[in-house]
């Protein structure tokens, strides 16, 4: 079993920055990522990163968000810059380990215009 705990969400003005963190309870050998879910919408991938540092981003966040990972600390981060009201959502940390999919409890990000 893997527990994922997110932190760093909150209220931020449009154009501002926020950094999300996710702590895993043990080493993750697979992909880690961030997803988000706005009210009434499905949960979508925002960014992902392999254990060797290869990244993938959803088109609307490219150039604004950066995902990073510290394997020694079992951490994954999402640096969110130039945030927009459309980024408002609950952000979930995700990890794939030994063919199983794990989720954090989510952290709310609200961007005011």
C-alpha atoms as a PDB file:
ATOM      1  CA  UNK A   1       0.000   0.000   0.000  1.00  0.00           C
ATOM      2  CA  UNK A   2       1.040   3.565  -0.711  1.00  0.00           C
ATOM      3  CA  UNK A   3      -0.296   6.640   1.029  1.00  0.00           C
ATOM      4  CA  UNK A   4      -0.081   9.969  -0.772  1.00  0.00           C
ATOM      5  CA  UNK A   5      -0.521  13.231   1.085  1.00  0.00           C
ATOM      6  CA  UNK A   6      -0.889  16.509  -0.797  1.00  0.00           C
ATOM      7  CA  UNK A   7      -0.252  19.971   0.563  1.00  0.00           C
ATOM      8  CA  UNK A   8       0.105  23.508  -0.699  1.00  0.00           C
ATOM      9  CA  UNK A   9      -3.317  24.273  -2.065  1.00  0.00           C
ATOM     10  CA  UNK A  10      -5.186  27.453  -1.301  1.00  0.00           C
ATOM     11  CA  UNK A  11      -6.519  30.691  -2.697  1.00  0.00           C
ATOM     12  CA  UNK A  12      -4.406  32.640  -5.152  1.00  0.00           C
ATOM     13  CA  UNK A  13      -5.052  35.566  -7.447  1.00  0.00           C
ATOM     14  CA  UNK A  14      -4.929  35.156 -11.189  1.00  0.00           C
ATOM     15  CA  UNK A  15      -1.394  35.604 -12.425  1.00  0.00           C
ATOM     16  CA  UNK A  16       0.082  34.389  -9.167  1.00  0.00           C
ATOM     17  CA  UNK A  17       1.947  31.241  -8.215  1.00  0.00           C
ATOM     18  CA  UNK A  18       1.372  28.226  -6.033  1.00  0.00           C
ATOM     19  CA  UNK A  19       3.408  25.128  -5.286  1.00  0.00           C
ATOM     20  CA  UNK A  20       1.787  21.799  -4.547  1.00  0.00           C
ATOM     21  CA  UNK A  21       3.645  19.003  -2.800  1.00  0.00           C
ATOM     22  CA  UNK A  22       2.876  15.323  -2.494  1.00  0.00           C
ATOM     23  CA  UNK A  23       4.567  12.991  -0.052  1.00  0.00           C
ATOM     24  CA  UNK A  24       4.518   9.257  -0.711  1.00  0.00           C
ATOM     25  CA  UNK A  25       4.782   6.768   2.146  1.00  0.00           C
ATOM     26  CA  UNK A  26       7.419   4.741   0.309  1.00  0.00           C
ATOM     27  CA  UNK A  27       9.556   4.715  -2.812  1.00  0.00           C
ATOM     28  CA  UNK A  28       7.618   4.887  -6.047  1.00  0.00           C
ATOM     29  CA  UNK A  29       9.242   3.235  -9.038  1.00  0.00           C
ATOM     30  CA  UNK A  30       6.543   4.157 -11.527  1.00  0.00           C
ATOM     31  CA  UNK A  31       5.010   7.323 -12.867  1.00  0.00           C
ATOM     32  CA  UNK A  32       3.824  10.042 -10.502  1.00  0.00           C
ATOM     33  CA  UNK A  33       1.530  12.810 -11.510  1.00  0.00           C
ATOM     34  CA  UNK A  34      -1.016  15.453 -10.756  1.00  0.00           C
ATOM     35  CA  UNK A  35      -4.638  15.376 -11.803  1.00  0.00           C
ATOM     36  CA  UNK A  36      -7.392  17.894 -11.226  1.00  0.00           C
ATOM     37  CA  UNK A  37     -11.141  17.834 -11.021  1.00  0.00           C
ATOM     38  CA  UNK A  38     -13.341  20.899 -11.266  1.00  0.00           C
ATOM     39  CA  UNK A  39     -16.970  20.811 -10.042  1.00  0.00           C
ATOM     40  CA  UNK A  40     -19.141  18.837 -12.430  1.00  0.00           C
ATOM     41  CA  UNK A  41     -16.198  17.738 -14.550  1.00  0.00           C
ATOM     42  CA  UNK A  42     -14.146  14.610 -14.862  1.00  0.00           C
ATOM     43  CA  UNK A  43     -10.726  14.155 -13.337  1.00  0.00           C
ATOM     44  CA  UNK A  44      -8.049  15.010 -15.890  1.00  0.00           C
ATOM     45  CA  UNK A  45      -4.292  14.630 -15.981  1.00  0.00           C
ATOM     46  CA  UNK A  46      -2.348  17.858 -15.488  1.00  0.00           C
ATOM     47  CA  UNK A  47       1.230  16.629 -15.500  1.00  0.00           C
ATOM     48  CA  UNK A  48       3.183  13.443 -15.014  1.00  0.00           C
ATOM     49  CA  UNK A  49       6.791  12.469 -14.461  1.00  0.00           C
ATOM     50  CA  UNK A  50       8.648   9.185 -14.692  1.00  0.00           C
ATOM     51  CA  UNK A  51      11.234   8.099 -12.141  1.00  0.00           C
ATOM     52  CA  UNK A  52      13.947   9.180 -14.606  1.00  0.00           C
ATOM     53  CA  UNK A  53      12.479  12.665 -14.990  1.00  0.00           C
ATOM     54  CA  UNK A  54      10.610  12.511 -18.276  1.00  0.00           C
ATOM     55  CA  UNK A  55       7.602  14.797 -18.114  1.00  0.00           C
ATOM     56  CA  UNK A  56       4.276  15.183 -19.828  1.00  0.00           C
ATOM     57  CA  UNK A  57       1.823  18.090 -19.584  1.00  0.00           C
ATOM     58  CA  UNK A  58      -1.742  18.815 -20.486  1.00  0.00           C
ATOM     59  CA  UNK A  59      -1.783  21.454 -23.212  1.00  0.00           C
ATOM     60  CA  UNK A  60      -3.406  24.247 -21.199  1.00  0.00           C
ATOM     61  CA  UNK A  61      -0.661  24.206 -18.541  1.00  0.00           C
ATOM     62  CA  UNK A  62       2.378  23.900 -20.787  1.00  0.00           C
ATOM     63  CA  UNK A  63       4.780  26.755 -20.113  1.00  0.00           C
ATOM     64  CA  UNK A  64       3.017  27.650 -16.853  1.00  0.00           C
ATOM     65  CA  UNK A  65       3.251  24.548 -14.662  1.00  0.00           C
ATOM     66  CA  UNK A  66       6.318  22.480 -13.862  1.00  0.00           C
ATOM     67  CA  UNK A  67       6.300  19.025 -12.329  1.00  0.00           C
ATOM     68  CA  UNK A  68       9.341  17.768 -10.478  1.00  0.00           C
ATOM     69  CA  UNK A  69      10.247  14.815  -8.371  1.00  0.00           C
ATOM     70  CA  UNK A  70      12.672  14.016  -5.569  1.00  0.00           C
ATOM     71  CA  UNK A  71      13.051  10.253  -5.478  1.00  0.00           C
ATOM     72  CA  UNK A  72      15.257  10.362  -2.388  1.00  0.00           C
ATOM     73  CA  UNK A  73      12.461  12.042  -0.437  1.00  0.00           C
ATOM     74  CA  UNK A  74       9.552  10.244  -2.129  1.00  0.00           C
ATOM     75  CA  UNK A  75       8.135  13.613  -3.150  1.00  0.00           C
ATOM     76  CA  UNK A  76       6.537  15.076  -6.238  1.00  0.00           C
ATOM     77  CA  UNK A  77       5.831  18.756  -6.759  1.00  0.00           C
ATOM     78  CA  UNK A  78       3.768  20.936  -9.032  1.00  0.00           C
ATOM     79  CA  UNK A  79       4.924  24.514  -9.461  1.00  0.00           C
ATOM     80  CA  UNK A  80       2.020  26.519 -10.791  1.00  0.00           C
ATOM     81  CA  UNK A  81       2.841  29.907 -12.310  1.00  0.00           C
ATOM     82  CA  UNK A  82       0.626  32.455 -14.046  1.00  0.00           C
ATOM     83  CA  UNK A  83      -2.429  30.679 -12.727  1.00  0.00           C
ATOM     84  CA  UNK A  84      -5.809  31.349 -14.285  1.00  0.00           C
ATOM     85  CA  UNK A  85      -9.365  31.076 -12.914  1.00  0.00           C
ATOM     86  CA  UNK A  86      -9.760  28.003 -15.122  1.00  0.00           C
ATOM     87  CA  UNK A  87      -7.133  26.267 -13.006  1.00  0.00           C
ATOM     88  CA  UNK A  88      -9.551  26.203 -10.071  1.00  0.00           C
ATOM     89  CA  UNK A  89     -10.067  22.582  -9.073  1.00  0.00           C
ATOM     90  CA  UNK A  90      -9.235  19.918  -6.548  1.00  0.00           C
ATOM     91  CA  UNK A  91      -5.747  18.659  -7.364  1.00  0.00           C
ATOM     92  CA  UNK A  92      -4.928  15.018  -6.754  1.00  0.00           C
ATOM     93  CA  UNK A  93      -1.552  13.349  -6.525  1.00  0.00           C
ATOM     94  CA  UNK A  94      -1.268  10.031  -8.336  1.00  0.00           C
ATOM     95  CA  UNK A  95       1.317   7.279  -8.239  1.00  0.00           C
ATOM     96  CA  UNK A  96       1.675   4.015 -10.084  1.00  0.00           C
ATOM     97  CA  UNK A  97       3.522   1.334  -8.182  1.00  0.00           C
ATOM     98  CA  UNK A  98       3.705  -2.391  -8.894  1.00  0.00           C
ATOM     99  CA  UNK A  99       0.866  -2.072 -11.399  1.00  0.00           C
ATOM    100  CA  UNK A 100      -1.431  -0.432  -8.865  1.00  0.00           C
ATOM    101  CA  UNK A 101      -2.808   3.077  -9.004  1.00  0.00           C
ATOM    102  CA  UNK A 102      -2.810   5.230  -5.871  1.00  0.00           C
ATOM    103  CA  UNK A 103      -4.468   8.578  -5.144  1.00  0.00           C
ATOM    104  CA  UNK A 104      -4.103  11.252  -2.534  1.00  0.00           C
ATOM    105  CA  UNK A 105      -7.068  12.868  -0.838  1.00  0.00           C
ATOM    106  CA  UNK A 106      -6.808  16.028  -2.938  1.00  0.00           C
ATOM    107  CA  UNK A 107      -6.056  19.661  -2.223  1.00  0.00           C
ATOM    108  CA  UNK A 108      -8.232  22.567  -3.292  1.00  0.00           C
ATOM    109  CA  UNK A 109      -6.794  25.270  -5.521  1.00  0.00           C
ATOM    110  CA  UNK A 110      -8.940  28.342  -6.059  1.00  0.00           C
ATOM    111  CA  UNK A 111      -7.859  31.106  -8.427  1.00  0.00           C
ATOM    112  CA  UNK A 112      -9.642  34.412  -8.082  1.00  0.00           C
ATOM    113  CA  UNK A 113      -9.981  36.774 -11.013  1.00  0.00           C
END
